[in-house]
């Protein structure tokens, strides 16, 4: 009885401190409905060769205006993202799924400056990455140049969140283009991990309805 009330004297693992968003967290599998991207047909650049994601890393980001961004990663950098109004992930909405498209190392500070200039424009010209052009989704109400959004992301690979796997400073912009059967997203960003090399990343994404995935 006393063990049940006060716990055993034996060492017990710490309680998980990462958010569990719609049952998604590190160590769990997310089942996807492939129709989420197949219905977009040949127009989309989004492709995925599986209908299940093994989540091996997770992060949470608080935006300046209040909402939280929860990100869940596989070993090959597929990212499932959710927005919530709370750090615990209880009020989840706005789900998106992203796959990596390209990753490059900038050759110089001039290259980095040119990248940030591209991310500031109302349309991302994608020819250099073998992509179409993408109108800006953030700040879409104006055609004036807008600076990209900067944020810190701390990534964990254990549910107790005892030690960060990586801390990454990101400068990013989100884009979207309308297709005949839905919408395709594109996230362009500069990543600067602590103790690591700067990279320029592009990810292609799609919105997900709640009925299109489960964990």
N, C-alpha and C. Protein backbone atom coordinates (compact mmCIF):
# COMPACT_ATOMS: atom_id res chain seq x y z
N UNK A 1 0.83 -1.20 0.00
CA UNK A 1 0.00 0.00 0.00
C UNK A 1 0.86 1.26 0.00
N UNK A 2 1.94 1.27 0.84
CA UNK A 2 2.78 2.46 0.94
C UNK A 2 3.53 2.71 -0.37
N UNK A 3 3.90 1.62 -1.06
CA UNK A 3 4.56 1.79 -2.37
C UNK A 3 3.61 2.46 -3.36
N UNK A 4 2.34 2.06 -3.29
CA UNK A 4 1.38 2.65 -4.22
C UNK A 4 1.16 4.13 -3.92
N UNK A 5 1.21 4.48 -2.63
CA UNK A 5 0.96 5.87 -2.25
C UNK A 5 2.17 6.76 -2.46
N UNK A 6 3.34 6.26 -2.07
CA UNK A 6 4.52 7.12 -2.04
C UNK A 6 5.62 6.69 -3.02
N UNK A 7 5.42 5.59 -3.73
CA UNK A 7 6.42 5.14 -4.69
C UNK A 7 7.43 4.22 -4.05
N UNK A 8 8.06 3.43 -4.89
CA UNK A 8 9.07 2.51 -4.42
C UNK A 8 10.37 3.25 -4.16
N UNK A 9 11.21 2.67 -3.34
CA UNK A 9 12.54 3.23 -3.10
C UNK A 9 13.44 3.01 -4.30
N UNK A 10 13.06 2.09 -5.20
CA UNK A 10 13.86 1.85 -6.39
C UNK A 10 13.81 3.08 -7.30
N UNK A 11 14.89 3.23 -8.07
CA UNK A 11 14.95 4.36 -9.01
C UNK A 11 13.92 4.18 -10.11
N UNK A 12 13.15 5.22 -10.39
CA UNK A 12 12.15 5.16 -11.44
C UNK A 12 12.50 6.19 -12.50
N UNK A 13 12.19 5.94 -13.77
CA UNK A 13 12.50 6.91 -14.81
C UNK A 13 11.66 8.17 -14.65
N UNK A 14 12.19 9.33 -15.07
CA UNK A 14 11.43 10.57 -14.94
C UNK A 14 10.18 10.54 -15.82
N UNK A 15 9.17 11.24 -15.36
CA UNK A 15 7.93 11.32 -16.14
C UNK A 15 8.20 12.10 -17.43
N UNK A 16 7.57 11.70 -18.52
CA UNK A 16 7.77 12.41 -19.78
C UNK A 16 7.37 13.88 -19.64
N UNK A 17 8.22 14.77 -20.16
CA UNK A 17 7.89 16.19 -20.07
C UNK A 17 7.63 16.81 -21.44
N UNK A 18 7.82 16.06 -22.52
CA UNK A 18 7.46 16.57 -23.83
C UNK A 18 5.95 16.52 -24.01
N UNK A 19 5.45 17.47 -24.77
CA UNK A 19 4.01 17.50 -25.03
C UNK A 19 3.59 16.28 -25.83
N UNK A 20 2.38 15.81 -25.57
CA UNK A 20 1.76 14.74 -26.37
C UNK A 20 0.59 15.38 -27.09
N UNK A 21 0.74 15.56 -28.41
CA UNK A 21 -0.25 16.27 -29.21
C UNK A 21 -1.04 15.25 -30.02
N UNK A 22 -2.32 15.10 -29.70
CA UNK A 22 -3.16 14.09 -30.36
C UNK A 22 -2.47 12.72 -30.37
N UNK A 23 -1.89 12.38 -29.23
CA UNK A 23 -1.23 11.10 -28.99
C UNK A 23 0.11 10.97 -29.70
N UNK A 24 0.65 12.06 -30.24
CA UNK A 24 1.93 12.03 -30.95
C UNK A 24 3.04 12.52 -30.04
N UNK A 25 4.11 11.75 -29.94
CA UNK A 25 5.31 12.14 -29.21
C UNK A 25 6.44 11.21 -29.62
N UNK A 26 7.63 11.45 -29.08
CA UNK A 26 8.80 10.63 -29.41
C UNK A 26 8.53 9.17 -29.06
N UNK A 27 8.91 8.28 -29.96
CA UNK A 27 8.75 6.85 -29.73
C UNK A 27 7.46 6.26 -30.23
N UNK A 28 6.57 7.08 -30.79
CA UNK A 28 5.30 6.58 -31.29
C UNK A 28 5.25 6.66 -32.82
N UNK A 29 4.30 5.95 -33.38
CA UNK A 29 4.14 5.88 -34.83
C UNK A 29 2.89 6.63 -35.25
N UNK A 30 3.01 7.42 -36.30
CA UNK A 30 1.88 8.15 -36.84
C UNK A 30 1.46 7.49 -38.15
N UNK A 31 0.22 7.06 -38.24
CA UNK A 31 -0.33 6.48 -39.47
C UNK A 31 -0.95 7.60 -40.30
N UNK A 32 -0.62 7.60 -41.60
CA UNK A 32 -1.09 8.65 -42.51
C UNK A 32 -2.04 8.06 -43.55
N UNK A 33 -2.96 8.89 -44.01
CA UNK A 33 -3.81 8.52 -45.14
C UNK A 33 -3.14 9.03 -46.41
N UNK A 34 -2.62 8.14 -47.28
CA UNK A 34 -1.91 8.59 -48.48
C UNK A 34 -2.75 9.46 -49.41
N UNK A 35 -4.08 9.39 -49.29
CA UNK A 35 -4.92 10.25 -50.13
C UNK A 35 -4.67 11.73 -49.85
N UNK A 36 -4.09 12.04 -48.70
CA UNK A 36 -3.80 13.43 -48.37
C UNK A 36 -2.91 14.08 -49.42
N UNK A 37 -1.98 13.32 -50.02
CA UNK A 37 -1.13 13.88 -51.08
C UNK A 37 -1.44 13.30 -52.46
N UNK A 38 -1.96 12.08 -52.51
CA UNK A 38 -2.26 11.50 -53.83
C UNK A 38 -3.39 12.23 -54.53
N UNK A 39 -4.29 12.82 -53.76
CA UNK A 39 -5.41 13.54 -54.40
C UNK A 39 -4.94 14.80 -55.11
N UNK A 40 -3.71 15.25 -54.81
CA UNK A 40 -3.19 16.44 -55.47
C UNK A 40 -2.67 16.15 -56.87
N UNK A 41 -2.52 14.86 -57.19
CA UNK A 41 -2.14 14.46 -58.53
C UNK A 41 -0.71 14.81 -58.89
N UNK A 42 -0.46 15.01 -60.18
CA UNK A 42 0.89 15.26 -60.68
C UNK A 42 1.33 16.71 -60.50
N UNK A 43 0.44 17.56 -60.08
CA UNK A 43 0.80 18.97 -59.88
C UNK A 43 1.76 19.16 -58.72
N UNK A 44 1.63 18.34 -57.70
CA UNK A 44 2.38 18.57 -56.47
C UNK A 44 3.81 18.05 -56.56
N UNK A 45 4.71 18.73 -55.84
CA UNK A 45 6.08 18.25 -55.67
C UNK A 45 6.20 17.38 -54.42
N UNK A 46 5.12 17.29 -53.66
CA UNK A 46 5.14 16.49 -52.43
C UNK A 46 5.01 15.01 -52.79
N UNK A 47 5.97 14.20 -52.36
CA UNK A 47 5.91 12.75 -52.54
C UNK A 47 6.35 12.08 -51.26
N UNK A 48 5.73 10.96 -50.95
CA UNK A 48 6.09 10.21 -49.75
C UNK A 48 5.88 8.73 -50.04
N UNK A 49 6.89 7.92 -49.70
CA UNK A 49 6.87 6.50 -50.06
C UNK A 49 6.37 5.60 -48.93
N UNK A 50 5.65 6.18 -47.96
CA UNK A 50 5.18 5.39 -46.83
C UNK A 50 3.91 6.01 -46.27
N UNK A 51 3.22 5.24 -45.45
CA UNK A 51 2.02 5.75 -44.80
C UNK A 51 2.13 5.68 -43.28
N UNK A 52 3.37 5.56 -42.77
CA UNK A 52 3.60 5.55 -41.33
C UNK A 52 4.91 6.28 -41.02
N UNK A 53 4.90 7.07 -39.97
CA UNK A 53 6.07 7.83 -39.55
C UNK A 53 6.50 7.39 -38.15
N UNK A 54 7.77 7.01 -38.00
CA UNK A 54 8.34 6.70 -36.69
C UNK A 54 8.94 7.97 -36.11
N UNK A 55 8.33 8.49 -35.05
CA UNK A 55 8.77 9.77 -34.50
C UNK A 55 9.97 9.54 -33.57
N UNK A 56 11.10 10.17 -33.91
CA UNK A 56 12.32 9.99 -33.13
C UNK A 56 12.85 11.29 -32.52
N UNK A 57 12.23 12.42 -32.85
CA UNK A 57 12.66 13.70 -32.27
C UNK A 57 11.46 14.64 -32.23
N UNK A 58 11.56 15.64 -31.34
CA UNK A 58 10.40 16.52 -31.11
C UNK A 58 10.88 17.85 -30.57
N UNK A 59 10.12 18.90 -30.89
CA UNK A 59 10.44 20.23 -30.37
C UNK A 59 9.16 21.02 -30.17
N UNK A 60 9.28 22.12 -29.44
CA UNK A 60 8.18 23.07 -29.31
C UNK A 60 8.77 24.47 -29.39
N UNK A 61 8.09 25.34 -30.13
CA UNK A 61 8.55 26.72 -30.34
C UNK A 61 7.41 27.65 -29.94
N UNK A 62 7.73 28.65 -29.14
CA UNK A 62 6.72 29.66 -28.82
C UNK A 62 6.92 30.86 -29.72
N UNK A 63 5.89 31.23 -30.48
CA UNK A 63 5.96 32.38 -31.35
C UNK A 63 5.72 33.66 -30.56
N UNK A 64 6.17 34.77 -31.12
CA UNK A 64 6.08 36.04 -30.41
C UNK A 64 4.64 36.43 -30.09
N UNK A 65 3.71 36.05 -30.96
CA UNK A 65 2.32 36.46 -30.75
C UNK A 65 1.51 35.44 -29.96
N UNK A 66 2.17 34.44 -29.35
CA UNK A 66 1.48 33.56 -28.41
C UNK A 66 1.39 32.10 -28.76
N UNK A 67 0.99 31.73 -30.01
CA UNK A 67 0.81 30.30 -30.29
C UNK A 67 2.11 29.50 -30.16
N UNK A 68 1.94 28.19 -30.02
CA UNK A 68 3.08 27.28 -29.95
C UNK A 68 3.12 26.42 -31.20
N UNK A 69 4.32 26.15 -31.67
CA UNK A 69 4.52 25.26 -32.82
C UNK A 69 5.17 23.97 -32.30
N UNK A 70 4.49 22.86 -32.48
CA UNK A 70 5.03 21.55 -32.08
C UNK A 70 5.49 20.83 -33.34
N UNK A 71 6.72 20.35 -33.32
CA UNK A 71 7.28 19.65 -34.47
C UNK A 71 7.71 18.25 -34.08
N UNK A 72 7.42 17.30 -34.95
CA UNK A 72 7.74 15.90 -34.74
C UNK A 72 8.51 15.40 -35.95
N UNK A 73 9.67 14.74 -35.72
CA UNK A 73 10.58 14.38 -36.79
C UNK A 73 10.81 12.88 -36.87
N UNK A 74 11.08 12.41 -38.09
CA UNK A 74 11.59 11.06 -38.30
C UNK A 74 13.11 11.15 -38.47
N UNK A 75 13.76 9.99 -38.54
CA UNK A 75 15.21 9.97 -38.73
C UNK A 75 15.63 10.58 -40.05
N UNK A 76 14.77 10.53 -41.07
CA UNK A 76 15.12 11.11 -42.37
C UNK A 76 14.47 12.49 -42.57
N UNK A 77 14.18 13.17 -41.47
CA UNK A 77 13.84 14.60 -41.46
C UNK A 77 12.47 14.94 -42.04
N UNK A 78 11.58 13.97 -42.12
CA UNK A 78 10.18 14.30 -42.39
C UNK A 78 9.62 14.97 -41.14
N UNK A 79 8.84 16.01 -41.31
CA UNK A 79 8.37 16.80 -40.17
C UNK A 79 6.85 16.92 -40.18
N UNK A 80 6.23 16.52 -39.09
CA UNK A 80 4.82 16.77 -38.84
C UNK A 80 4.72 17.92 -37.85
N UNK A 81 3.92 18.92 -38.20
CA UNK A 81 3.85 20.13 -37.38
C UNK A 81 2.41 20.41 -36.96
N UNK A 82 2.27 20.89 -35.73
CA UNK A 82 0.95 21.26 -35.21
C UNK A 82 1.05 22.60 -34.50
N UNK A 83 -0.03 23.37 -34.58
CA UNK A 83 -0.13 24.62 -33.83
C UNK A 83 -1.05 24.39 -32.64
N UNK A 84 -0.71 25.01 -31.51
CA UNK A 84 -1.58 24.96 -30.34
C UNK A 84 -1.53 26.31 -29.63
N UNK A 85 -2.49 26.52 -28.74
CA UNK A 85 -2.49 27.73 -27.93
C UNK A 85 -1.82 27.52 -26.58
N UNK A 86 -1.31 26.30 -26.34
CA UNK A 86 -0.70 25.98 -25.05
C UNK A 86 0.52 25.10 -25.27
N UNK A 87 1.48 25.18 -24.35
CA UNK A 87 2.72 24.40 -24.47
C UNK A 87 2.47 22.91 -24.35
N UNK A 88 1.39 22.51 -23.67
CA UNK A 88 1.09 21.09 -23.47
C UNK A 88 0.46 20.44 -24.70
N UNK A 89 0.06 21.21 -25.67
CA UNK A 89 -0.50 20.66 -26.89
C UNK A 89 -1.94 20.20 -26.78
N UNK A 90 -2.69 20.76 -25.86
CA UNK A 90 -4.07 20.30 -25.65
C UNK A 90 -5.05 20.91 -26.65
N UNK A 91 -4.70 22.05 -27.22
CA UNK A 91 -5.62 22.74 -28.14
C UNK A 91 -5.04 22.72 -29.55
N UNK A 92 -4.84 21.53 -30.09
CA UNK A 92 -4.12 21.39 -31.36
C UNK A 92 -4.99 21.73 -32.55
N UNK A 93 -4.39 22.42 -33.53
CA UNK A 93 -5.06 22.75 -34.78
C UNK A 93 -3.99 23.00 -35.83
N UNK A 94 -4.38 23.19 -37.07
CA UNK A 94 -3.48 23.58 -38.16
C UNK A 94 -2.30 22.61 -38.28
N UNK A 95 -2.57 21.41 -38.78
CA UNK A 95 -1.54 20.38 -38.94
C UNK A 95 -0.97 20.43 -40.36
N UNK A 96 0.34 20.27 -40.46
CA UNK A 96 1.01 20.24 -41.76
C UNK A 96 2.08 19.16 -41.75
N UNK A 97 2.36 18.63 -42.93
CA UNK A 97 3.36 17.58 -43.10
C UNK A 97 4.37 18.06 -44.13
N UNK A 98 5.67 18.00 -43.79
CA UNK A 98 6.72 18.50 -44.66
C UNK A 98 7.75 17.40 -44.94
N UNK A 99 8.26 17.40 -46.18
CA UNK A 99 9.36 16.52 -46.54
C UNK A 99 10.54 17.39 -46.98
N UNK A 100 11.79 16.91 -46.76
CA UNK A 100 12.95 17.69 -47.23
C UNK A 100 12.99 17.72 -48.76
N UNK A 101 13.39 18.87 -49.31
CA UNK A 101 13.56 18.99 -50.75
C UNK A 101 15.03 19.22 -51.12
N UNK A 102 15.67 20.17 -50.45
CA UNK A 102 17.07 20.44 -50.73
C UNK A 102 17.76 20.97 -49.48
N UNK A 103 19.08 20.78 -49.43
CA UNK A 103 19.90 21.27 -48.32
C UNK A 103 21.27 21.63 -48.88
N UNK A 104 21.69 22.88 -48.69
CA UNK A 104 22.97 23.34 -49.22
C UNK A 104 23.72 24.13 -48.15
N UNK A 105 25.05 24.17 -48.30
CA UNK A 105 25.90 24.96 -47.42
C UNK A 105 26.24 26.27 -48.14
N UNK A 106 25.91 27.41 -47.55
CA UNK A 106 26.24 28.68 -48.21
C UNK A 106 27.76 28.85 -48.30
N UNK A 107 28.21 29.34 -49.46
CA UNK A 107 29.65 29.44 -49.69
C UNK A 107 30.28 30.64 -48.98
N UNK A 108 29.47 31.65 -48.67
CA UNK A 108 30.03 32.87 -48.10
C UNK A 108 28.94 33.68 -47.44
N UNK A 109 29.35 34.75 -46.76
CA UNK A 109 28.37 35.67 -46.18
C UNK A 109 27.53 36.32 -47.27
N UNK A 110 28.12 36.51 -48.44
CA UNK A 110 27.36 37.08 -49.55
C UNK A 110 26.25 36.14 -49.98
N UNK A 111 26.54 34.83 -49.99
CA UNK A 111 25.52 33.84 -50.33
C UNK A 111 24.40 33.87 -49.31
N UNK A 112 24.76 34.01 -48.03
CA UNK A 112 23.74 34.07 -46.99
C UNK A 112 22.87 35.31 -47.15
N UNK A 113 23.49 36.43 -47.50
CA UNK A 113 22.73 37.65 -47.70
C UNK A 113 21.77 37.55 -48.88
N UNK A 114 22.23 36.90 -49.94
CA UNK A 114 21.36 36.72 -51.10
C UNK A 114 20.18 35.82 -50.78
N UNK A 115 20.41 34.80 -49.94
CA UNK A 115 19.33 33.90 -49.53
C UNK A 115 18.27 34.65 -48.72
N UNK A 116 18.73 35.47 -47.80
CA UNK A 116 17.77 36.24 -46.99
C UNK A 116 17.00 37.24 -47.85
N UNK A 117 17.66 37.77 -48.87
CA UNK A 117 16.94 38.65 -49.79
C UNK A 117 15.85 37.88 -50.52
N UNK A 118 16.13 36.64 -50.93
CA UNK A 118 15.12 35.82 -51.60
C UNK A 118 13.94 35.56 -50.67
N UNK A 119 14.24 35.31 -49.39
CA UNK A 119 13.19 35.02 -48.42
C UNK A 119 12.37 36.25 -48.06
N UNK A 120 12.84 37.43 -48.44
CA UNK A 120 12.12 38.67 -48.13
C UNK A 120 11.14 39.07 -49.22
N UNK A 121 11.22 38.44 -50.38
CA UNK A 121 10.41 38.86 -51.52
C UNK A 121 9.01 38.23 -51.48
N UNK A 122 8.04 38.87 -52.13
CA UNK A 122 6.66 38.35 -52.09
C UNK A 122 6.48 37.04 -52.84
N UNK A 123 7.40 36.70 -53.74
CA UNK A 123 7.35 35.44 -54.46
C UNK A 123 8.74 34.80 -54.43
N UNK A 124 8.80 33.52 -54.07
CA UNK A 124 10.06 32.79 -54.10
C UNK A 124 10.24 32.20 -55.49
N UNK A 125 11.27 32.64 -56.18
CA UNK A 125 11.57 32.14 -57.52
C UNK A 125 12.30 30.81 -57.38
N UNK A 126 11.65 29.71 -57.75
CA UNK A 126 12.17 28.39 -57.42
C UNK A 126 12.95 27.68 -58.49
N UNK A 127 13.26 28.35 -59.62
CA UNK A 127 13.90 27.66 -60.74
C UNK A 127 15.24 27.04 -60.34
N UNK A 128 16.01 27.71 -59.51
CA UNK A 128 17.33 27.19 -59.12
C UNK A 128 17.23 25.88 -58.36
N UNK A 129 16.11 25.64 -57.71
CA UNK A 129 15.90 24.40 -56.95
C UNK A 129 14.99 23.42 -57.69
N UNK A 130 14.76 23.68 -58.98
CA UNK A 130 13.86 22.84 -59.79
C UNK A 130 12.46 22.83 -59.20
N UNK A 131 12.01 24.01 -58.82
CA UNK A 131 10.69 24.18 -58.23
C UNK A 131 9.95 25.28 -58.98
N UNK A 132 8.62 25.29 -58.89
CA UNK A 132 7.87 26.43 -59.43
C UNK A 132 8.04 27.64 -58.52
N UNK A 133 7.43 28.73 -58.89
CA UNK A 133 7.43 29.92 -58.03
C UNK A 133 6.34 29.76 -56.97
N UNK A 134 6.63 30.26 -55.77
CA UNK A 134 5.69 30.16 -54.66
C UNK A 134 5.38 31.55 -54.11
N UNK A 135 4.12 31.96 -54.10
CA UNK A 135 3.75 33.20 -53.43
C UNK A 135 3.94 33.07 -51.91
N UNK A 136 4.25 34.16 -51.29
CA UNK A 136 4.47 34.18 -49.85
C UNK A 136 3.14 33.94 -49.12
N UNK A 137 3.16 33.04 -48.14
CA UNK A 137 1.97 32.78 -47.32
C UNK A 137 1.96 33.71 -46.11
N UNK A 138 3.08 33.79 -45.41
CA UNK A 138 3.21 34.80 -44.37
C UNK A 138 3.32 36.17 -45.05
N UNK A 139 2.68 37.17 -44.48
CA UNK A 139 2.69 38.54 -45.01
C UNK A 139 2.11 38.60 -46.43
N UNK A 140 1.16 37.72 -46.72
CA UNK A 140 0.59 37.69 -48.07
C UNK A 140 -0.26 38.91 -48.38
N UNK A 141 -0.58 39.72 -47.36
CA UNK A 141 -1.42 40.88 -47.57
C UNK A 141 -0.67 42.05 -48.21
N UNK A 142 0.65 41.91 -48.38
CA UNK A 142 1.43 42.98 -48.98
C UNK A 142 2.40 42.42 -50.02
N UNK A 143 2.70 43.24 -51.02
CA UNK A 143 3.70 42.89 -52.02
C UNK A 143 5.06 43.52 -51.72
N UNK A 144 5.15 44.21 -50.60
CA UNK A 144 6.42 44.81 -50.21
C UNK A 144 7.34 43.76 -49.61
N UNK A 145 8.67 43.93 -49.76
CA UNK A 145 9.60 43.01 -49.10
C UNK A 145 9.37 42.98 -47.59
N UNK A 146 9.46 41.79 -47.03
CA UNK A 146 9.28 41.60 -45.59
C UNK A 146 10.43 40.74 -45.06
N UNK A 147 11.03 41.11 -43.93
CA UNK A 147 12.11 40.28 -43.40
C UNK A 147 11.59 38.92 -42.98
N UNK A 148 12.37 37.86 -43.19
CA UNK A 148 11.94 36.52 -42.75
C UNK A 148 11.83 36.45 -41.22
N UNK A 149 11.15 35.43 -40.76
CA UNK A 149 10.90 35.24 -39.33
C UNK A 149 12.09 34.49 -38.71
N UNK A 150 12.53 34.93 -37.55
CA UNK A 150 13.62 34.28 -36.84
C UNK A 150 13.11 33.63 -35.56
N UNK A 151 13.64 32.46 -35.24
CA UNK A 151 13.22 31.74 -34.04
C UNK A 151 14.29 30.74 -33.62
N UNK A 152 14.21 30.32 -32.37
CA UNK A 152 15.06 29.25 -31.84
C UNK A 152 14.23 27.98 -31.71
N UNK A 153 14.82 26.86 -32.12
CA UNK A 153 14.17 25.56 -31.95
C UNK A 153 15.10 24.66 -31.14
N UNK A 154 14.58 24.08 -30.07
CA UNK A 154 15.33 23.11 -29.26
C UNK A 154 14.72 21.74 -29.48
N UNK A 155 15.51 20.82 -29.98
CA UNK A 155 15.04 19.50 -30.38
C UNK A 155 15.48 18.47 -29.34
N UNK A 156 14.54 17.58 -28.99
CA UNK A 156 14.81 16.49 -28.03
C UNK A 156 14.55 15.15 -28.70
N UNK A 157 15.31 14.15 -28.26
CA UNK A 157 15.12 12.80 -28.78
C UNK A 157 14.67 11.82 -27.70
N UNK A 158 14.52 12.30 -26.45
CA UNK A 158 13.97 11.46 -25.39
C UNK A 158 12.76 12.13 -24.78
N UNK A 159 11.78 11.35 -24.40
CA UNK A 159 10.50 11.89 -23.94
C UNK A 159 10.62 12.67 -22.64
N UNK A 160 11.65 12.37 -21.84
CA UNK A 160 11.83 13.11 -20.60
C UNK A 160 12.44 14.48 -20.84
N UNK A 161 12.96 14.72 -22.05
CA UNK A 161 13.55 16.01 -22.40
C UNK A 161 14.65 16.41 -21.42
N UNK A 162 15.50 15.45 -21.06
CA UNK A 162 16.55 15.72 -20.09
C UNK A 162 17.74 16.45 -20.69
N UNK A 163 18.01 16.22 -21.96
CA UNK A 163 19.16 16.83 -22.61
C UNK A 163 18.80 17.16 -24.06
N UNK A 164 18.95 18.41 -24.48
CA UNK A 164 18.62 18.75 -25.87
C UNK A 164 19.52 18.01 -26.85
N UNK A 165 18.92 17.56 -27.94
CA UNK A 165 19.70 16.96 -29.02
C UNK A 165 20.35 18.06 -29.86
N UNK A 166 19.65 19.16 -30.06
CA UNK A 166 20.19 20.27 -30.85
C UNK A 166 19.43 21.54 -30.51
N UNK A 167 20.15 22.67 -30.58
CA UNK A 167 19.54 23.99 -30.49
C UNK A 167 19.86 24.71 -31.79
N UNK A 168 18.82 25.15 -32.49
CA UNK A 168 18.99 25.65 -33.85
C UNK A 168 18.34 27.02 -34.00
N UNK A 169 19.13 28.00 -34.44
CA UNK A 169 18.57 29.30 -34.77
C UNK A 169 18.13 29.26 -36.23
N UNK A 170 16.90 29.69 -36.49
CA UNK A 170 16.34 29.58 -37.83
C UNK A 170 15.82 30.94 -38.30
N UNK A 171 16.04 31.20 -39.57
CA UNK A 171 15.47 32.35 -40.25
C UNK A 171 14.66 31.80 -41.41
N UNK A 172 13.35 32.01 -41.42
CA UNK A 172 12.51 31.25 -42.34
C UNK A 172 11.35 32.08 -42.88
N UNK A 173 10.77 31.53 -43.97
CA UNK A 173 9.58 32.11 -44.57
C UNK A 173 8.72 30.97 -45.12
N UNK A 174 7.41 31.10 -44.99
CA UNK A 174 6.47 30.09 -45.48
C UNK A 174 5.76 30.60 -46.72
N UNK A 175 5.64 29.70 -47.71
CA UNK A 175 5.01 30.01 -48.99
C UNK A 175 3.92 28.98 -49.27
N UNK A 176 3.02 29.32 -50.19
CA UNK A 176 1.96 28.38 -50.57
C UNK A 176 1.51 28.66 -52.00
N UNK A 177 1.18 27.59 -52.71
CA UNK A 177 0.58 27.75 -54.05
C UNK A 177 -0.65 26.87 -54.12
N UNK A 178 -1.67 27.38 -54.75
CA UNK A 178 -2.94 26.66 -54.89
C UNK A 178 -2.87 25.73 -56.09
N UNK A 179 -3.30 24.48 -55.87
CA UNK A 179 -3.39 23.48 -56.92
C UNK A 179 -4.87 23.21 -57.21
N UNK A 180 -5.12 22.46 -58.24
CA UNK A 180 -6.51 22.18 -58.61
C UNK A 180 -7.25 21.45 -57.51
N UNK A 181 -6.54 20.59 -56.76
CA UNK A 181 -7.20 19.77 -55.74
C UNK A 181 -6.77 20.10 -54.32
N UNK A 182 -6.14 21.26 -54.13
CA UNK A 182 -5.73 21.61 -52.77
C UNK A 182 -4.61 22.62 -52.77
N UNK A 183 -3.83 22.61 -51.72
CA UNK A 183 -2.76 23.59 -51.54
C UNK A 183 -1.45 22.88 -51.22
N UNK A 184 -0.37 23.41 -51.77
CA UNK A 184 0.98 22.92 -51.47
C UNK A 184 1.76 24.02 -50.76
N UNK A 185 2.50 23.66 -49.74
CA UNK A 185 3.29 24.60 -48.96
C UNK A 185 4.77 24.44 -49.26
N UNK A 186 5.53 25.50 -49.03
CA UNK A 186 6.98 25.43 -49.14
C UNK A 186 7.58 26.26 -48.01
N UNK A 187 8.47 25.64 -47.24
CA UNK A 187 9.16 26.32 -46.15
C UNK A 187 10.62 26.47 -46.55
N UNK A 188 11.09 27.71 -46.62
CA UNK A 188 12.49 28.00 -46.93
C UNK A 188 13.14 28.60 -45.69
N UNK A 189 14.32 28.12 -45.34
CA UNK A 189 14.92 28.57 -44.09
C UNK A 189 16.43 28.47 -44.11
N UNK A 190 17.04 29.28 -43.27
CA UNK A 190 18.45 29.15 -42.93
C UNK A 190 18.54 28.58 -41.54
N UNK A 191 19.30 27.50 -41.38
CA UNK A 191 19.49 26.87 -40.08
C UNK A 191 20.92 27.09 -39.59
N UNK A 192 21.03 27.50 -38.33
CA UNK A 192 22.33 27.74 -37.73
C UNK A 192 22.38 27.03 -36.38
N UNK A 193 22.72 25.73 -36.37
CA UNK A 193 22.75 24.98 -35.11
C UNK A 193 23.94 25.40 -34.26
N UNK A 194 23.76 25.36 -32.95
CA UNK A 194 24.87 25.64 -32.04
C UNK A 194 25.97 24.60 -32.27
N UNK A 195 27.16 25.09 -32.55
CA UNK A 195 28.28 24.19 -32.77
C UNK A 195 28.29 23.49 -34.10
N UNK A 196 27.42 23.91 -35.03
CA UNK A 196 27.34 23.26 -36.34
C UNK A 196 27.43 24.24 -37.48
N UNK A 197 27.32 23.73 -38.69
CA UNK A 197 27.43 24.55 -39.90
C UNK A 197 26.07 25.11 -40.32
N UNK A 198 26.10 26.28 -40.89
CA UNK A 198 24.90 26.90 -41.43
C UNK A 198 24.48 26.17 -42.71
N UNK A 199 23.17 25.92 -42.84
CA UNK A 199 22.64 25.33 -44.07
C UNK A 199 21.41 26.11 -44.53
N UNK A 200 21.14 26.01 -45.82
CA UNK A 200 19.92 26.56 -46.41
C UNK A 200 19.04 25.39 -46.81
N UNK A 201 17.82 25.37 -46.29
CA UNK A 201 16.92 24.23 -46.44
C UNK A 201 15.64 24.64 -47.13
N UNK A 202 15.11 23.72 -47.91
CA UNK A 202 13.77 23.87 -48.47
C UNK A 202 12.99 22.60 -48.16
N UNK A 203 11.77 22.79 -47.67
CA UNK A 203 10.88 21.67 -47.39
C UNK A 203 9.55 21.90 -48.11
N UNK A 204 8.99 20.82 -48.65
CA UNK A 204 7.70 20.88 -49.34
C UNK A 204 6.65 20.25 -48.43
N UNK A 205 5.50 20.90 -48.30
CA UNK A 205 4.50 20.42 -47.35
C UNK A 205 3.08 20.45 -47.89
N UNK A 206 2.21 19.81 -47.12
CA UNK A 206 0.77 19.82 -47.40
C UNK A 206 0.03 20.00 -46.08
N UNK A 207 -1.14 20.64 -46.10
CA UNK A 207 -1.99 20.66 -44.91
C UNK A 207 -2.57 19.27 -44.67
N UNK A 208 -2.80 18.96 -43.40
CA UNK A 208 -3.43 17.69 -43.03
C UNK A 208 -4.70 17.95 -42.24
N UNK A 209 -5.79 17.30 -42.64
CA UNK A 209 -6.98 17.29 -41.81
C UNK A 209 -6.78 16.30 -40.66
N UNK A 210 -7.51 16.48 -39.58
CA UNK A 210 -7.37 15.58 -38.44
C UNK A 210 -7.70 14.14 -38.78
N UNK A 211 -8.59 13.96 -39.76
CA UNK A 211 -8.98 12.60 -40.14
C UNK A 211 -7.93 11.91 -40.99
N UNK A 212 -6.88 12.64 -41.39
CA UNK A 212 -5.87 12.08 -42.29
C UNK A 212 -4.65 11.52 -41.59
N UNK A 213 -4.67 11.50 -40.25
CA UNK A 213 -3.55 10.90 -39.51
C UNK A 213 -4.03 10.48 -38.13
N UNK A 214 -3.31 9.53 -37.54
CA UNK A 214 -3.60 9.10 -36.16
C UNK A 214 -2.34 8.46 -35.59
N UNK A 215 -2.22 8.47 -34.27
CA UNK A 215 -1.08 7.88 -33.59
C UNK A 215 -1.56 6.98 -32.47
